[in-house]
Amino acid sequence: MVEEKINKFISEKVPAVEALEGRFLFIENDTLRSNISIAFQYIIFLITLDEETELQGPITYSIYKDIIVHTATIIESCLHYCLNEYVKAGKIDSVIETKIEYKNPKQIYKIDAKNSLYLCMKGETILELKNITEFFKLNRMAKKNGILTDELFVDADKIREDRNKIHLSELNSNDNYFTKNDVEETFNRARNIIEHIEKKISELKLLN
């Protein structure tokens, strides 16, 4: 009986993954589009669960956390895909940043008690876009190359920061940090970013 109610609840309120894939047709990678749609379906399930049922506070807070984590995952995936498409098309460089490092310092002359001359090796470490590139580096790369506007960069980084706060050891109070209003603001930011990414990918196709 309980299983029947759950199945009815899901079938009536939660769209099928295939239907949700239509929102992400700008992503031509079938596997990625499917995975994003699965995450989107889960978010809709959680929203429906929150709206249609009366749950205890701690459960509600956990739902909000799950929504924010999966929303951040979708944004991160869409942004990575967009950047990768621009790199493949030769429109932007794959380099995220170049780090200058000074290695093996060796004192060659002591000037006085506080100052000395050193000889060292100067090297460069080039960080390029990869499948494991972290969210904050994706954001910086997207801003640097005009994929994200300054405003959308702030939105994307806020989503990333909120996701990173969801660690039990990092909480300074009870585990009720996020509210429904926080979730709605995250959705607004995510919607704007996804629409912008879709536009940028459409522009890329026109250029090619």
Protein backbone atom coordinates (compact mmCIF):
# COMPACT_ATOMS: atom_id res chain seq x y z
CA MET A 1 0.00 0.00 0.00
CA VAL A 2 2.77 2.42 0.95
CA GLU A 3 4.70 1.49 -2.18
CA GLU A 4 1.65 2.20 -4.34
CA LYS A 5 1.23 5.63 -2.76
CA ILE A 6 4.90 6.45 -3.33
CA ASN A 7 4.75 5.32 -6.97
CA LYS A 8 1.60 7.39 -7.54
CA PHE A 9 3.19 10.39 -5.86
CA ILE A 10 6.26 10.17 -8.11
CA SER A 11 4.39 9.47 -11.35
CA GLU A 12 1.96 12.38 -10.83
CA LYS A 13 4.36 15.01 -9.57
CA VAL A 14 7.81 14.19 -10.95
CA PRO A 15 8.50 14.32 -14.72
CA ALA A 16 10.35 11.47 -16.41
CA VAL A 17 14.07 11.93 -17.10
CA GLU A 18 13.40 11.78 -20.86
CA ALA A 19 11.06 14.75 -20.59
CA LEU A 20 13.55 16.76 -18.57
CA GLU A 21 16.32 16.16 -21.11
CA GLY A 22 14.50 18.57 -23.40
CA ARG A 23 15.63 21.44 -21.17
CA PHE A 24 19.26 20.55 -21.75
CA LEU A 25 19.32 19.89 -25.50
CA PHE A 26 22.13 22.44 -25.82
CA ILE A 27 24.34 19.74 -24.28
CA GLU A 28 25.13 17.33 -27.10
CA ASN A 29 26.93 14.81 -24.90
CA ASP A 30 24.18 12.23 -24.36
CA THR A 31 25.64 10.81 -21.14
CA LEU A 32 26.18 14.21 -19.56
CA ARG A 33 22.72 15.42 -20.58
CA SER A 34 21.16 12.29 -19.07
CA ASN A 35 23.11 12.63 -15.82
CA ILE A 36 22.14 16.29 -15.49
CA SER A 37 18.50 15.41 -16.13
CA ILE A 38 18.62 12.71 -13.45
CA ALA A 39 19.94 15.28 -10.96
CA PHE A 40 17.23 17.70 -12.09
CA GLN A 41 14.56 15.03 -11.60
CA TYR A 42 15.81 14.38 -8.07
CA ILE A 43 15.65 18.10 -7.29
CA ILE A 44 12.04 18.23 -8.49
CA PHE A 45 11.26 15.17 -6.34
CA LEU A 46 12.73 16.90 -3.27
CA ILE A 47 10.82 20.11 -3.95
CA THR A 48 7.58 18.19 -4.36
CA LEU A 49 8.27 16.21 -1.19
CA ASP A 50 8.81 19.44 0.73
CA GLU A 51 5.67 21.10 -0.66
CA GLU A 52 3.27 18.16 -0.53
CA THR A 53 4.14 16.66 2.85
CA GLU A 54 4.55 17.80 6.42
CA LEU A 55 8.05 16.92 7.54
CA GLN A 56 10.00 17.49 10.72
CA GLY A 57 12.49 20.36 10.76
CA PRO A 58 15.71 18.31 10.51
CA ILE A 59 14.37 16.41 7.49
CA THR A 60 13.42 19.66 5.77
CA TYR A 61 16.89 21.06 6.36
CA SER A 62 18.40 17.95 4.83
CA ILE A 63 16.15 18.33 1.79
CA TYR A 64 17.33 21.93 1.32
CA LYS A 65 20.94 20.84 1.57
CA ASP A 66 20.43 18.09 -1.00
CA ILE A 67 18.74 20.54 -3.38
CA ILE A 68 21.64 22.99 -3.13
CA VAL A 69 24.26 20.26 -3.64
CA HIS A 70 22.56 18.88 -6.76
CA THR A 71 21.85 22.33 -8.16
CA ALA A 72 25.54 23.18 -7.77
CA THR A 73 26.45 19.94 -9.54
CA ILE A 74 24.26 20.86 -12.50
CA ILE A 75 25.79 24.34 -12.76
CA GLU A 76 29.31 22.97 -12.46
CA SER A 77 28.64 20.37 -15.18
CA CYS A 78 27.04 22.84 -17.60
CA LEU A 79 29.85 25.34 -17.09
CA HIS A 80 32.53 22.71 -17.64
CA TYR A 81 30.80 21.52 -20.81
CA CYS A 82 30.55 25.06 -22.16
CA LEU A 83 34.20 25.83 -21.48
CA ASN A 84 35.28 22.55 -23.03
CA GLU A 85 33.25 23.27 -26.18
CA TYR A 86 34.90 26.67 -26.56
CA VAL A 87 38.35 25.12 -26.07
CA LYS A 88 37.63 22.40 -28.66
CA ALA A 89 36.46 25.06 -31.11
CA GLY A 90 39.69 27.01 -30.61
CA LYS A 91 37.85 30.08 -29.32
CA ILE A 92 39.55 30.15 -25.93
CA ASP A 93 42.79 28.78 -24.50
CA SER A 94 42.68 25.66 -22.35
CA VAL A 95 45.00 27.28 -19.81
CA ILE A 96 43.27 28.29 -16.58
CA GLU A 97 46.29 29.93 -15.01
CA THR A 98 50.08 29.86 -14.91
CA LYS A 99 51.75 29.66 -11.53
CA ILE A 100 55.27 30.99 -11.02
CA GLU A 101 57.31 28.98 -8.53
CA TYR A 102 60.79 29.61 -7.08
CA LYS A 103 62.54 26.39 -6.15
CA ASN A 104 65.78 25.30 -4.47
CA PRO A 105 66.83 28.66 -2.96
CA LYS A 106 70.52 28.82 -2.12
CA GLN A 107 72.20 31.61 -0.25
CA ILE A 108 75.09 33.06 -2.24
CA TYR A 109 75.91 36.19 -0.27
CA LYS A 110 75.06 37.48 3.21
CA ILE A 111 74.64 41.24 3.19
CA ASP A 112 73.98 41.72 6.89
CA ALA A 113 72.15 40.07 9.81
CA LYS A 114 68.74 40.53 8.14
CA ASN A 115 69.43 40.50 4.41
CA SER A 116 70.97 37.97 2.03
CA LEU A 117 71.17 37.29 -1.69
CA TYR A 118 69.76 33.98 -2.92
CA LEU A 119 70.02 32.03 -6.14
CA CYS A 120 67.00 29.94 -7.08
CA MET A 121 65.30 28.15 -9.95
CA LYS A 122 62.24 29.84 -11.48
CA GLY A 123 59.61 27.50 -12.90
CA GLU A 124 56.10 27.66 -14.31
CA THR A 125 53.20 25.31 -13.67
CA ILE A 126 50.48 25.51 -16.29
CA LEU A 127 46.98 24.52 -15.13
CA GLU A 128 44.69 23.48 -17.98
CA LEU A 129 41.03 22.54 -18.19
CA LYS A 130 40.52 18.89 -17.30
CA ASN A 131 37.64 16.63 -16.28
CA ILE A 132 38.66 17.02 -12.64
CA THR A 133 39.03 20.81 -12.70
CA GLU A 134 37.51 22.26 -9.55
CA PHE A 135 34.38 24.41 -9.53
CA PHE A 136 36.13 27.60 -8.40
CA LYS A 137 38.70 27.29 -11.20
CA LEU A 138 35.92 26.78 -13.74
CA ASN A 139 34.30 29.98 -12.52
CA ARG A 140 37.54 31.95 -12.81
CA MET A 141 38.24 30.58 -16.26
CA ALA A 142 34.71 31.37 -17.42
CA LYS A 143 34.95 34.94 -16.16
CA LYS A 144 38.40 35.45 -17.65
CA ASN A 145 37.21 34.34 -21.10
CA GLY A 146 33.88 36.16 -21.08
CA ILE A 147 31.76 33.03 -20.71
CA LEU A 148 30.34 34.45 -17.48
CA THR A 149 29.60 38.11 -16.84
CA ASP A 150 30.81 39.67 -13.61
CA GLU A 151 27.31 39.34 -12.14
CA LEU A 152 26.91 35.70 -13.15
CA PHE A 153 30.39 34.93 -11.85
CA VAL A 154 29.26 36.18 -8.43
CA ASP A 155 26.12 34.03 -8.69
CA ALA A 156 28.06 30.92 -9.68
CA ASP A 157 30.56 31.45 -6.89
CA LYS A 158 27.75 31.92 -4.35
CA ILE A 159 26.28 28.58 -5.40
CA ARG A 160 29.72 26.99 -5.06
CA GLU A 161 30.30 28.52 -1.63
CA ASP A 162 26.89 27.38 -0.38
CA ARG A 163 27.61 23.84 -1.55
CA ASN A 164 30.95 23.89 0.24
CA LYS A 165 29.28 24.89 3.51
CA ILE A 166 27.45 21.59 3.62
CA HIS A 167 29.97 19.76 5.77
CA LEU A 168 28.95 18.70 9.26
CA SER A 169 32.38 19.52 10.71
CA GLU A 170 32.19 23.08 9.36
CA LEU A 171 28.83 23.98 10.90
CA ASN A 172 29.07 26.42 13.80
CA SER A 173 25.47 25.92 14.92
CA ASN A 174 22.66 23.40 14.54
CA ASP A 175 22.35 21.78 11.14
CA ASN A 176 19.69 24.19 9.88
CA TYR A 177 21.79 26.67 7.97
CA PHE A 178 19.70 26.83 4.78
CA THR A 179 16.12 28.05 4.46
CA LYS A 180 13.51 27.77 1.74
CA ASN A 181 14.35 31.32 0.73
CA ASP A 182 17.99 30.29 0.26
CA VAL A 183 16.85 27.48 -2.03
CA GLU A 184 14.70 29.85 -4.09
CA GLU A 185 17.59 32.29 -4.45
CA THR A 186 19.84 29.42 -5.56
CA PHE A 187 17.27 28.45 -8.19
CA ASN A 188 17.13 32.02 -9.50
CA ARG A 189 20.91 32.16 -9.80
CA ALA A 190 21.05 28.72 -11.41
CA ARG A 191 18.33 29.56 -13.94
CA ASN A 192 20.15 32.72 -15.04
CA ILE A 193 23.45 30.87 -15.40
CA ILE A 194 21.96 27.98 -17.38
CA GLU A 195 20.13 30.34 -19.74
CA HIS A 196 23.35 32.29 -20.28
CA ILE A 197 25.37 29.13 -20.93
CA GLU A 198 22.76 27.97 -23.42
CA LYS A 199 23.07 31.32 -25.19
CA LYS A 200 26.87 31.13 -25.27
CA ILE A 201 26.78 27.63 -26.78
CA SER A 202 24.29 28.81 -29.43
CA GLU A 203 26.62 31.70 -30.27
CA LEU A 204 29.52 29.25 -30.57
CA LYS A 205 27.57 27.13 -33.07
CA LEU A 206 26.84 30.20 -35.17
CA LEU A 207 30.53 31.10 -35.23
CA ASN A 208 31.37 27.60 -36.48
